């Protein structure tokens, strides 16, 4: 039953390119700041992005 649910999910991959990472930062802004109205400490309101200090760390 779990495997049936798992196979229905969209595939994911690690954001490798700068363009992919920028898209994630913009998506975070759209969701957390624009839609939910959250005060995000790392939000860049001019560029409409949210970056986290851990984004650039090597996670393996």
PDB file of N, CA and C in Angstrom:
ATOM      1  N   UNK A   1       0.823  -1.192   0.000  1.00  0.00           N
ATOM      2  CA  UNK A   1       0.000   0.000   0.000  1.00  0.00           C
ATOM      3  C   UNK A   1       0.872   1.263   0.000  1.00  0.00           C
ATOM      4  N   UNK A   2       1.913   1.283   0.816  1.00  0.00           N
ATOM      5  CA  UNK A   2       2.811   2.440   0.857  1.00  0.00           C
ATOM      6  C   UNK A   2       3.499   2.634  -0.485  1.00  0.00           C
ATOM      7  N   UNK A   3       3.899   1.550  -1.121  1.00  0.00           N
ATOM      8  CA  UNK A   3       4.602   1.671  -2.401  1.00  0.00           C
ATOM      9  C   UNK A   3       3.692   2.249  -3.484  1.00  0.00           C
ATOM     10  N   UNK A   4       2.396   1.948  -3.432  1.00  0.00           N
ATOM     11  CA  UNK A   4       1.458   2.524  -4.396  1.00  0.00           C
ATOM     12  C   UNK A   4       1.367   4.038  -4.221  1.00  0.00           C
ATOM     13  N   UNK A   5       1.322   4.483  -2.975  1.00  0.00           N
ATOM     14  CA  UNK A   5       1.281   5.916  -2.693  1.00  0.00           C
ATOM     15  C   UNK A   5       2.574   6.581  -3.146  1.00  0.00           C
ATOM     16  N   UNK A   6       3.699   5.951  -2.860  1.00  0.00           N
ATOM     17  CA  UNK A   6       5.004   6.511  -3.189  1.00  0.00           C
ATOM     18  C   UNK A   6       5.202   6.647  -4.698  1.00  0.00           C
ATOM     19  N   UNK A   7       4.737   5.695  -5.466  1.00  0.00           N
ATOM     20  CA  UNK A   7       4.933   5.765  -6.914  1.00  0.00           C
ATOM     21  C   UNK A   7       4.075   6.850  -7.558  1.00  0.00           C
ATOM     22  N   UNK A   8       3.065   7.348  -6.865  1.00  0.00           N
ATOM     23  CA  UNK A   8       2.229   8.403  -7.408  1.00  0.00           C
ATOM     24  C   UNK A   8       2.791   9.799  -7.220  1.00  0.00           C
ATOM     25  N   UNK A   9       3.895   9.928  -6.502  1.00  0.00           N
ATOM     26  CA  UNK A   9       4.499  11.238  -6.248  1.00  0.00           C
ATOM     27  C   UNK A   9       5.334  11.699  -7.440  1.00  0.00           C
ATOM     28  N   UNK A  10       5.448  12.998  -7.578  1.00  0.00           N
ATOM     29  CA  UNK A  10       6.283  13.559  -8.639  1.00  0.00           C
ATOM     30  C   UNK A  10       7.754  13.348  -8.294  1.00  0.00           C
ATOM     31  N   UNK A  11       8.592  13.083  -9.280  1.00  0.00           N
ATOM     32  CA  UNK A  11      10.021  12.913  -9.012  1.00  0.00           C
ATOM     33  C   UNK A  11      10.645  14.234  -8.552  1.00  0.00           C
ATOM     34  N   UNK A  12      11.642  14.143  -7.712  1.00  0.00           N
ATOM     35  CA  UNK A  12      12.366  15.321  -7.231  1.00  0.00           C
ATOM     36  C   UNK A  12      13.855  15.137  -7.492  1.00  0.00           C
ATOM     37  N   UNK A  13      14.577  16.240  -7.506  1.00  0.00           N
ATOM     38  CA  UNK A  13      16.029  16.179  -7.640  1.00  0.00           C
ATOM     39  C   UNK A  13      16.640  17.362  -6.902  1.00  0.00           C
ATOM     40  N   UNK A  14      17.916  17.288  -6.658  1.00  0.00           N
ATOM     41  CA  UNK A  14      18.644  18.361  -5.978  1.00  0.00           C
ATOM     42  C   UNK A  14      18.795  19.546  -6.922  1.00  0.00           C
ATOM     43  N   UNK A  15      18.533  20.741  -6.422  1.00  0.00           N
ATOM     44  CA  UNK A  15      18.729  21.958  -7.214  1.00  0.00           C
ATOM     45  C   UNK A  15      20.234  22.199  -7.327  1.00  0.00           C
ATOM     46  N   UNK A  16      20.769  22.031  -8.498  1.00  0.00           N
ATOM     47  CA  UNK A  16      22.209  22.141  -8.706  1.00  0.00           C
ATOM     48  C   UNK A  16      22.626  23.482  -9.290  1.00  0.00           C
ATOM     49  N   UNK A  17      21.866  23.982 -10.238  1.00  0.00           N
ATOM     50  CA  UNK A  17      22.290  25.203 -10.927  1.00  0.00           C
ATOM     51  C   UNK A  17      21.839  26.441 -10.161  1.00  0.00           C
ATOM     52  N   UNK A  18      22.525  27.561 -10.379  1.00  0.00           N
ATOM     53  CA  UNK A  18      22.094  28.809  -9.749  1.00  0.00           C
ATOM     54  C   UNK A  18      20.649  29.173 -10.112  1.00  0.00           C
ATOM     55  N   UNK A  19      20.227  28.898 -11.342  1.00  0.00           N
ATOM     56  CA  UNK A  19      18.858  29.210 -11.756  1.00  0.00           C
ATOM     57  C   UNK A  19      17.840  28.373 -10.981  1.00  0.00           C
ATOM     58  N   UNK A  20      18.146  27.111 -10.750  1.00  0.00           N
ATOM     59  CA  UNK A  20      17.247  26.249  -9.969  1.00  0.00           C
ATOM     60  C   UNK A  20      17.142  26.731  -8.530  1.00  0.00           C
ATOM     61  N   UNK A  21      18.270  27.116  -7.947  1.00  0.00           N
ATOM     62  CA  UNK A  21      18.253  27.602  -6.560  1.00  0.00           C
ATOM     63  C   UNK A  21      17.491  28.922  -6.459  1.00  0.00           C
ATOM     64  N   UNK A  22      17.665  29.818  -7.419  1.00  0.00           N
ATOM     65  CA  UNK A  22      16.927  31.082  -7.412  1.00  0.00           C
ATOM     66  C   UNK A  22      15.421  30.834  -7.503  1.00  0.00           C
ATOM     67  N   UNK A  23      15.021  29.846  -8.294  1.00  0.00           N
ATOM     68  CA  UNK A  23      13.598  29.514  -8.410  1.00  0.00           C
ATOM     69  C   UNK A  23      13.055  29.049  -7.059  1.00  0.00           C
ATOM     70  N   UNK A  24      13.828  28.300  -6.315  1.00  0.00           N
ATOM     71  CA  UNK A  24      13.406  27.853  -4.982  1.00  0.00           C
ATOM     72  C   UNK A  24      13.291  29.032  -4.038  1.00  0.00           C
ATOM     73  N   UNK A  25      14.255  29.943  -4.082  1.00  0.00           N
ATOM     74  CA  UNK A  25      14.214  31.116  -3.199  1.00  0.00           C
ATOM     75  C   UNK A  25      12.992  31.979  -3.505  1.00  0.00           C
ATOM     76  N   UNK A  26      12.639  32.133  -4.774  1.00  0.00           N
ATOM     77  CA  UNK A  26      11.449  32.897  -5.151  1.00  0.00           C
ATOM     78  C   UNK A  26      10.171  32.169  -4.726  1.00  0.00           C
ATOM     79  N   UNK A  27      10.171  30.853  -4.874  1.00  0.00           N
ATOM     80  CA  UNK A  27       9.013  30.058  -4.458  1.00  0.00           C
ATOM     81  C   UNK A  27       8.780  30.201  -2.958  1.00  0.00           C
ATOM     82  N   UNK A  28       9.841  30.139  -2.171  1.00  0.00           N
ATOM     83  CA  UNK A  28       9.721  30.340  -0.724  1.00  0.00           C
ATOM     84  C   UNK A  28       9.084  31.691  -0.412  1.00  0.00           C
ATOM     85  N   UNK A  29       9.548  32.718  -1.104  1.00  0.00           N
ATOM     86  CA  UNK A  29       8.994  34.055  -0.867  1.00  0.00           C
ATOM     87  C   UNK A  29       7.507  34.075  -1.198  1.00  0.00           C
ATOM     88  N   UNK A  30       7.158  33.530  -2.345  1.00  0.00           N
ATOM     89  CA  UNK A  30       5.746  33.523  -2.754  1.00  0.00           C
ATOM     90  C   UNK A  30       4.866  32.827  -1.722  1.00  0.00           C
ATOM     91  N   UNK A  31       5.329  31.695  -1.202  1.00  0.00           N
ATOM     92  CA  UNK A  31       4.519  30.934  -0.254  1.00  0.00           C
ATOM     93  C   UNK A  31       4.517  31.582   1.123  1.00  0.00           C
ATOM     94  N   UNK A  32       5.694  31.768   1.698  1.00  0.00           N
ATOM     95  CA  UNK A  32       5.774  32.209   3.093  1.00  0.00           C
ATOM     96  C   UNK A  32       5.435  33.680   3.291  1.00  0.00           C
ATOM     97  N   UNK A  33       5.953  34.545   2.450  1.00  0.00           N
ATOM     98  CA  UNK A  33       5.766  35.982   2.648  1.00  0.00           C
ATOM     99  C   UNK A  33       4.494  36.468   1.960  1.00  0.00           C
ATOM    100  N   UNK A  34       4.388  36.226   0.653  1.00  0.00           N
ATOM    101  CA  UNK A  34       3.262  36.768  -0.108  1.00  0.00           C
ATOM    102  C   UNK A  34       1.925  36.101   0.247  1.00  0.00           C
ATOM    103  N   UNK A  35       1.903  34.773   0.324  1.00  0.00           N
ATOM    104  CA  UNK A  35       0.634  34.083   0.567  1.00  0.00           C
ATOM    105  C   UNK A  35       0.289  33.959   2.048  1.00  0.00           C
ATOM    106  N   UNK A  36       1.262  33.574   2.863  1.00  0.00           N
ATOM    107  CA  UNK A  36       0.979  33.315   4.278  1.00  0.00           C
ATOM    108  C   UNK A  36       1.229  34.524   5.174  1.00  0.00           C
ATOM    109  N   UNK A  37       1.909  35.536   4.654  1.00  0.00           N
ATOM    110  CA  UNK A  37       2.173  36.738   5.435  1.00  0.00           C
ATOM    111  C   UNK A  37       3.147  36.539   6.578  1.00  0.00           C
ATOM    112  N   UNK A  38       4.031  35.564   6.466  1.00  0.00           N
ATOM    113  CA  UNK A  38       5.015  35.272   7.517  1.00  0.00           C
ATOM    114  C   UNK A  38       6.160  36.280   7.455  1.00  0.00           C
ATOM    115  N   UNK A  39       6.659  36.639   8.621  1.00  0.00           N
ATOM    116  CA  UNK A  39       7.851  37.481   8.706  1.00  0.00           C
ATOM    117  C   UNK A  39       9.064  36.558   8.657  1.00  0.00           C
ATOM    118  N   UNK A  40       9.723  36.540   7.541  1.00  0.00           N
ATOM    119  CA  UNK A  40      10.882  35.668   7.360  1.00  0.00           C
ATOM    120  C   UNK A  40      12.151  36.484   7.567  1.00  0.00           C
ATOM    121  N   UNK A  41      13.032  36.046   8.481  1.00  0.00           N
ATOM    122  CA  UNK A  41      14.224  36.838   8.801  1.00  0.00           C
ATOM    123  C   UNK A  41      15.195  37.009   7.628  1.00  0.00           C
ATOM    124  N   UNK A  42      15.165  36.105   6.681  1.00  0.00           N
ATOM    125  CA  UNK A  42      16.121  36.179   5.574  1.00  0.00           C
ATOM    126  C   UNK A  42      15.449  36.601   4.267  1.00  0.00           C
ATOM    127  N   UNK A  43      14.291  37.221   4.353  1.00  0.00           N
ATOM    128  CA  UNK A  43      13.573  37.636   3.147  1.00  0.00           C
ATOM    129  C   UNK A  43      14.224  38.868   2.530  1.00  0.00           C
ATOM    130  N   UNK A  44      14.379  38.833   1.227  1.00  0.00           N
ATOM    131  CA  UNK A  44      14.853  39.975   0.457  1.00  0.00           C
ATOM    132  C   UNK A  44      13.630  40.481  -0.312  1.00  0.00           C
ATOM    133  N   UNK A  45      13.047  41.563   0.187  1.00  0.00           N
ATOM    134  CA  UNK A  45      11.796  42.048  -0.387  1.00  0.00           C
ATOM    135  C   UNK A  45      11.983  42.719  -1.747  1.00  0.00           C
ATOM    136  N   UNK A  46      13.160  43.230  -2.024  1.00  0.00           N
ATOM    137  CA  UNK A  46      13.415  43.821  -3.337  1.00  0.00           C
ATOM    138  C   UNK A  46      13.481  42.753  -4.416  1.00  0.00           C
ATOM    139  N   UNK A  47      14.188  41.655  -4.132  1.00  0.00           N
ATOM    140  CA  UNK A  47      14.336  40.567  -5.101  1.00  0.00           C
ATOM    141  C   UNK A  47      13.237  39.520  -4.967  1.00  0.00           C
ATOM    142  N   UNK A  48      12.416  39.646  -3.907  1.00  0.00           N
ATOM    143  CA  UNK A  48      11.330  38.708  -3.613  1.00  0.00           C
ATOM    144  C   UNK A  48      11.847  37.279  -3.510  1.00  0.00           C
ATOM    145  N   UNK A  49      12.876  37.112  -2.651  1.00  0.00           N
ATOM    146  CA  UNK A  49      13.452  35.798  -2.402  1.00  0.00           C
ATOM    147  C   UNK A  49      13.609  35.588  -0.902  1.00  0.00           C
ATOM    148  N   UNK A  50      13.660  34.329  -0.510  1.00  0.00           N
ATOM    149  CA  UNK A  50      13.984  33.952   0.865  1.00  0.00           C
ATOM    150  C   UNK A  50      15.089  32.919   0.789  1.00  0.00           C
ATOM    151  N   UNK A  51      16.242  33.304   1.316  1.00  0.00           N
ATOM    152  CA  UNK A  51      17.391  32.390   1.394  1.00  0.00           C
ATOM    153  C   UNK A  51      17.633  32.063   2.854  1.00  0.00           C
ATOM    154  N   UNK A  52      18.106  30.864   3.101  1.00  0.00           N
ATOM    155  CA  UNK A  52      18.430  30.426   4.443  1.00  0.00           C
ATOM    156  C   UNK A  52      19.941  30.208   4.507  1.00  0.00           C
ATOM    157  N   UNK A  53      20.589  30.547   5.622  1.00  0.00           N
ATOM    158  CA  UNK A  53      22.036  30.334   5.719  1.00  0.00           C
ATOM    159  C   UNK A  53      22.452  28.890   5.444  1.00  0.00           C
ATOM    160  N   UNK A  54      21.586  27.939   5.700  1.00  0.00           N
ATOM    161  CA  UNK A  54      21.918  26.533   5.462  1.00  0.00           C
ATOM    162  C   UNK A  54      21.850  26.143   3.992  1.00  0.00           C
ATOM    163  N   UNK A  55      21.313  27.009   3.145  1.00  0.00           N
ATOM    164  CA  UNK A  55      21.190  26.677   1.725  1.00  0.00           C
ATOM    165  C   UNK A  55      22.540  26.391   1.069  1.00  0.00           C
ATOM    166  N   UNK A  56      23.559  27.075   1.478  1.00  0.00           N
ATOM    167  CA  UNK A  56      24.868  26.936   0.848  1.00  0.00           C
ATOM    168  C   UNK A  56      25.756  25.901   1.522  1.00  0.00           C
ATOM    169  N   UNK A  57      25.270  25.255   2.576  1.00  0.00           N
ATOM    170  CA  UNK A  57      26.054  24.242   3.260  1.00  0.00           C
ATOM    171  C   UNK A  57      25.984  22.923   2.501  1.00  0.00           C
ATOM    172  N   UNK A  58      27.072  22.184   2.558  1.00  0.00           N
ATOM    173  CA  UNK A  58      27.117  20.872   1.919  1.00  0.00           C
ATOM    174  C   UNK A  58      26.416  19.876   2.830  1.00  0.00           C
ATOM    175  N   UNK A  59      25.342  19.284   2.320  1.00  0.00           N
ATOM    176  CA  UNK A  59      24.566  18.345   3.133  1.00  0.00           C
ATOM    177  C   UNK A  59      24.775  16.896   2.743  1.00  0.00           C
ATOM    178  N   UNK A  60      25.622  16.691   1.785  1.00  0.00           N
ATOM    179  CA  UNK A  60      25.941  15.320   1.413  1.00  0.00           C
ATOM    180  C   UNK A  60      25.083  14.732   0.455  1.00  0.00           C
TER     181      UNK A  60
END
